[in-house]
C-alpha atoms as a PDB file:
ATOM      1  CA  MET A   1       0.000   0.000   0.000  1.00  0.00           C
ATOM      2  CA  THR A   2       1.355   3.418  -0.957  1.00  0.00           C
ATOM      3  CA  THR A   3       0.751   6.526   1.047  1.00  0.00           C
ATOM      4  CA  GLU A   4      -0.123   9.869  -0.437  1.00  0.00           C
ATOM      5  CA  PRO A   5       2.431  12.621   0.089  1.00  0.00           C
ATOM      6  CA  GLU A   6       1.573  15.185   2.712  1.00  0.00           C
ATOM      7  CA  PRO A   7       0.161  18.402   1.269  1.00  0.00           C
ATOM      8  CA  PRO A   8       2.249  21.520   1.770  1.00  0.00           C
ATOM      9  CA  PRO A   9       1.592  23.429   4.984  1.00  0.00           C
ATOM     10  CA  GLY A  10      -1.001  26.165   4.989  1.00  0.00           C
ATOM     11  CA  SER A  11      -4.682  26.407   4.376  1.00  0.00           C
ATOM     12  CA  ARG A  12      -6.500  24.871   1.430  1.00  0.00           C
ATOM     13  CA  ILE A  13      -6.971  28.310  -0.125  1.00  0.00           C
ATOM     14  CA  ASP A  14      -3.231  29.031   0.211  1.00  0.00           C
ATOM     15  CA  ARG A  15      -2.453  25.780  -1.593  1.00  0.00           C
ATOM     16  CA  HIS A  16      -5.067  26.505  -4.252  1.00  0.00           C
ATOM     17  CA  LEU A  17      -3.720  30.018  -4.746  1.00  0.00           C
ATOM     18  CA  ALA A  18      -0.184  28.664  -5.207  1.00  0.00           C
ATOM     19  CA  ILE A  19      -1.405  26.216  -7.853  1.00  0.00           C
ATOM     20  CA  VAL A  20      -3.392  28.919  -9.659  1.00  0.00           C
ATOM     21  CA  ARG A  21      -0.497  31.360  -9.661  1.00  0.00           C
ATOM     22  CA  ALA A  22       1.876  28.732 -11.032  1.00  0.00           C
ATOM     23  CA  GLY A  23      -0.241  28.769 -14.202  1.00  0.00           C
ATOM     24  CA  LEU A  24      -0.249  32.557 -14.620  1.00  0.00           C
ATOM     25  CA  ASP A  25       2.370  34.847 -16.103  1.00  0.00           C
ATOM     26  CA  ARG A  26       1.753  37.502 -13.481  1.00  0.00           C
ATOM     27  CA  VAL A  27       2.713  41.115 -14.162  1.00  0.00           C
ATOM     28  CA  ARG A  28       4.891  43.014 -11.688  1.00  0.00           C
ATOM     29  CA  PRO A  29       4.004  46.673 -11.017  1.00  0.00           C
ATOM     30  CA  GLU A  30       7.155  47.863 -12.806  1.00  0.00           C
ATOM     31  CA  GLN A  31       6.068  45.952 -15.949  1.00  0.00           C
ATOM     32  CA  LEU A  32       2.551  47.349 -16.113  1.00  0.00           C
ATOM     33  CA  ASP A  33       3.251  50.461 -18.209  1.00  0.00           C
ATOM     34  CA  ALA A  34       4.984  48.399 -20.906  1.00  0.00           C
ATOM     35  CA  GLU A  35       2.098  45.900 -20.964  1.00  0.00           C
ATOM     36  CA  LEU A  36      -0.452  48.691 -21.359  1.00  0.00           C
ATOM     37  CA  ALA A  37       1.631  50.368 -24.069  1.00  0.00           C
ATOM     38  CA  ALA A  38       1.663  47.039 -25.928  1.00  0.00           C
ATOM     39  CA  GLY A  39      -2.140  46.946 -25.913  1.00  0.00           C
ATOM     40  CA  ALA A  40      -3.036  45.113 -22.708  1.00  0.00           C
ATOM     41  CA  LEU A  41      -6.215  46.046 -20.892  1.00  0.00           C
ATOM     42  CA  ALA A  42      -6.098  46.657 -17.131  1.00  0.00           C
ATOM     43  CA  VAL A  43      -9.281  45.717 -15.286  1.00  0.00           C
ATOM     44  CA  ASP A  44      -9.987  46.962 -11.760  1.00  0.00           C
ATOM     45  CA  LEU A  45     -12.022  44.409  -9.800  1.00  0.00           C
ATOM     46  CA  ARG A  46     -12.170  46.395  -6.562  1.00  0.00           C
ATOM     47  CA  PRO A  47     -15.455  47.503  -5.036  1.00  0.00           C
ATOM     48  CA  GLU A  48     -16.349  51.164  -5.497  1.00  0.00           C
ATOM     49  CA  ALA A  49     -15.687  51.986  -1.839  1.00  0.00           C
ATOM     50  CA  TYR A  50     -12.016  51.039  -2.189  1.00  0.00           C
ATOM     51  CA  ARG A  51     -11.650  53.031  -5.396  1.00  0.00           C
ATOM     52  CA  GLN A  52     -13.103  56.076  -3.647  1.00  0.00           C
ATOM     53  CA  ILE A  53     -10.770  55.707  -0.674  1.00  0.00           C
ATOM     54  CA  GLU A  54      -7.559  54.667  -2.409  1.00  0.00           C
ATOM     55  CA  GLY A  55      -7.900  56.013  -5.930  1.00  0.00           C
ATOM     56  CA  VAL A  56      -7.830  54.477  -9.380  1.00  0.00           C
ATOM     57  CA  LEU A  57      -5.266  53.235 -11.833  1.00  0.00           C
ATOM     58  CA  PRO A  58      -5.498  55.605 -14.816  1.00  0.00           C
ATOM     59  CA  GLY A  59      -6.864  53.954 -17.947  1.00  0.00           C
ATOM     60  CA  ALA A  60      -8.175  50.845 -16.198  1.00  0.00           C
ATOM     61  CA  ILE A  61     -11.626  49.527 -16.986  1.00  0.00           C
ATOM     62  CA  ILE A  62     -13.744  49.138 -13.875  1.00  0.00           C
ATOM     63  CA  THR A  63     -15.567  45.835 -13.661  1.00  0.00           C
ATOM     64  CA  GLU A  64     -16.308  44.540 -10.204  1.00  0.00           C
ATOM     65  CA  ARG A  65     -15.598  40.862  -9.700  1.00  0.00           C
ATOM     66  CA  ILE A  66     -19.261  39.848  -9.700  1.00  0.00           C
ATOM     67  CA  HIS A  67     -19.620  40.923 -13.372  1.00  0.00           C
ATOM     68  CA  LEU A  68     -16.232  39.873 -14.718  1.00  0.00           C
ATOM     69  CA  GLU A  69     -17.087  36.697 -16.634  1.00  0.00           C
ATOM     70  CA  TRP A  70     -19.898  38.412 -18.525  1.00  0.00           C
ATOM     71  CA  ARG A  71     -17.805  41.497 -19.349  1.00  0.00           C
ATOM     72  CA  LEU A  72     -14.794  39.580 -20.709  1.00  0.00           C
ATOM     73  CA  ASP A  73     -16.577  36.689 -22.451  1.00  0.00           C
ATOM     74  CA  ALA A  74     -17.184  37.939 -25.987  1.00  0.00           C
ATOM     75  CA  THR A  75     -19.978  35.366 -26.360  1.00  0.00           C
ATOM     76  CA  SER A  76     -21.942  36.479 -23.286  1.00  0.00           C
ATOM     77  CA  GLY A  77     -24.087  39.203 -24.814  1.00  0.00           C
ATOM     78  CA  ALA A  78     -22.927  41.575 -22.046  1.00  0.00           C
ATOM     79  CA  ALA A  79     -19.256  41.856 -22.968  1.00  0.00           C
ATOM     80  CA  ILE A  80     -17.256  45.053 -23.191  1.00  0.00           C
ATOM     81  CA  ASP A  81     -16.353  46.080 -26.748  1.00  0.00           C
ATOM     82  CA  GLU A  82     -12.708  45.066 -26.289  1.00  0.00           C
ATOM     83  CA  ALA A  83     -13.531  41.478 -25.235  1.00  0.00           C
ATOM     84  CA  SER A  84     -11.719  38.805 -27.221  1.00  0.00           C
ATOM     85  CA  ASP A  85     -10.190  35.419 -26.467  1.00  0.00           C
ATOM     86  CA  ASP A  86      -6.791  36.788 -27.535  1.00  0.00           C
ATOM     87  CA  LEU A  87      -6.886  40.069 -25.605  1.00  0.00           C
ATOM     88  CA  ARG A  88      -4.136  40.516 -23.032  1.00  0.00           C
ATOM     89  CA  VAL A  89      -5.977  41.394 -19.814  1.00  0.00           C
ATOM     90  CA  ILE A  90      -4.361  42.256 -16.493  1.00  0.00           C
ATOM     91  CA  LEU A  91      -6.780  41.997 -13.592  1.00  0.00           C
ATOM     92  CA  PHE A  92      -6.141  43.649 -10.264  1.00  0.00           C
ATOM     93  CA  CYS A  93      -7.760  43.827  -6.856  1.00  0.00           C
ATOM     94  CA  ASN A  94      -6.469  45.390  -3.635  1.00  0.00           C
ATOM     95  CA  ASP A  95      -3.575  43.025  -2.914  1.00  0.00           C
ATOM     96  CA  GLY A  96      -3.480  40.465  -5.731  1.00  0.00           C
ATOM     97  CA  TYR A  97      -5.329  37.529  -4.188  1.00  0.00           C
ATOM     98  CA  ALA A  98      -8.836  37.730  -5.673  1.00  0.00           C
ATOM     99  CA  SER A  99      -7.376  38.795  -9.021  1.00  0.00           C
ATOM    100  CA  SER A 100      -5.244  35.639  -9.229  1.00  0.00           C
ATOM    101  CA  LEU A 101      -8.299  33.470  -8.656  1.00  0.00           C
ATOM    102  CA  ALA A 102     -10.320  35.530 -11.136  1.00  0.00           C
ATOM    103  CA  ALA A 103      -7.589  35.212 -13.786  1.00  0.00           C
ATOM    104  CA  ALA A 104      -7.688  31.427 -13.423  1.00  0.00           C
ATOM    105  CA  ASP A 105     -11.476  31.514 -13.834  1.00  0.00           C
ATOM    106  CA  MET A 106     -11.130  33.590 -17.012  1.00  0.00           C
ATOM    107  CA  ARG A 107      -8.561  31.168 -18.423  1.00  0.00           C
ATOM    108  CA  SER A 108     -10.940  28.286 -17.765  1.00  0.00           C
ATOM    109  CA  LEU A 109     -13.416  30.104 -20.055  1.00  0.00           C
ATOM    110  CA  GLY A 110     -10.818  30.158 -22.835  1.00  0.00           C
ATOM    111  CA  LEU A 111      -9.385  33.633 -22.315  1.00  0.00           C
ATOM    112  CA  ARG A 112      -5.805  32.401 -22.403  1.00  0.00           C
ATOM    113  CA  ARG A 113      -4.031  35.756 -22.103  1.00  0.00           C
ATOM    114  CA  VAL A 114      -5.671  36.896 -18.876  1.00  0.00           C
ATOM    115  CA  THR A 115      -3.399  37.315 -15.866  1.00  0.00           C
ATOM    116  CA  ASP A 116      -3.135  39.549 -12.828  1.00  0.00           C
ATOM    117  CA  LEU A 117      -1.003  42.229 -11.231  1.00  0.00           C
ATOM    118  CA  GLU A 118       1.321  40.976  -8.500  1.00  0.00           C
ATOM    119  CA  GLY A 119       0.397  42.681  -5.237  1.00  0.00           C
ATOM    120  CA  GLY A 120      -2.645  44.343  -6.787  1.00  0.00           C
ATOM    121  CA  TYR A 121      -3.452  48.036  -6.752  1.00  0.00           C
ATOM    122  CA  ARG A 122      -1.604  48.633  -3.502  1.00  0.00           C
ATOM    123  CA  ALA A 123       1.671  47.243  -4.882  1.00  0.00           C
ATOM    124  CA  TRP A 124       1.288  49.336  -8.040  1.00  0.00           C
ATOM    125  CA  ARG A 125       0.555  52.388  -5.938  1.00  0.00           C
ATOM    126  CA  ALA A 126       3.595  51.762  -3.716  1.00  0.00           C
ATOM    127  CA  PHE A 127       5.735  51.373  -6.832  1.00  0.00           C
ATOM    128  CA  THR A 128       4.469  54.571  -8.452  1.00  0.00           C
ATOM    129  CA  ASP A 129       4.327  56.640  -5.259  1.00  0.00           C
ATOM    130  CA  GLY A 130       7.585  55.486  -3.703  1.00  0.00           C
ATOM    131  CA  ASP A 131       7.735  56.245  -0.004  1.00  0.00           C
ATOM    132  CA  ARG A 132       4.849  58.705   0.142  1.00  0.00           C
ATOM    133  CA  PRO A 133       2.379  57.706   2.856  1.00  0.00           C
ATOM    134  CA  HIS A 134      -1.009  56.419   1.806  1.00  0.00           C
ATOM    135  CA  PRO A 135      -4.289  57.331   3.484  1.00  0.00           C
ATOM    136  CA  PRO A 136      -5.535  54.733   5.943  1.00  0.00           C
ATOM    137  CA  ILE A 137      -7.927  52.138   4.645  1.00  0.00           C
ATOM    138  CA  ALA A 138     -11.373  52.738   6.064  1.00  0.00           C
ATOM    139  CA  ALA A 139     -13.565  49.802   6.944  1.00  0.00           C
ATOM    140  CA  VAL A 140     -15.987  49.022   4.146  1.00  0.00           C
END
C-alpha cells in the first residue's frame, strides 16, 4: 500500500492560490506600463468603496468581480467592446489575491491571455508613489 504525500503546509486556499499562480504569467508593477503600451487592458475588480478611498489606476476599466465573466466573455451578450479570447488582460484587486483566482477563472473560459497584477493596486501604488504615505484604509 502506498501513502499519499503530505500536502504543503497552509490552508486549502493558500495551496489553491499557489497552484493557480503557477499557471499565470503575473505582471509586476514595474512591468505594467509596458504591458499597457503594448495593448493590454487593465481591469480593476475592486469595489467602489475602495476606489473612492484609495484612488484608481489611470486607464483601467472598472468591472467589479461579480460581473467579470460576462464582461470579458465575448460570447456572453454583455461583454465590453474590447472582449476577445486573444486580448491581453491584467486583472487587479487590492492586494493580488482575488485577481489571481479571477484570472484562473477567465482562463478556464478560454481567455488564455488573462493574468493579474502581483500585489494588486496597492503594490502598483507603492511602486508609483515610492515612499509617500497612503491614506488609511477605512472599513468598508
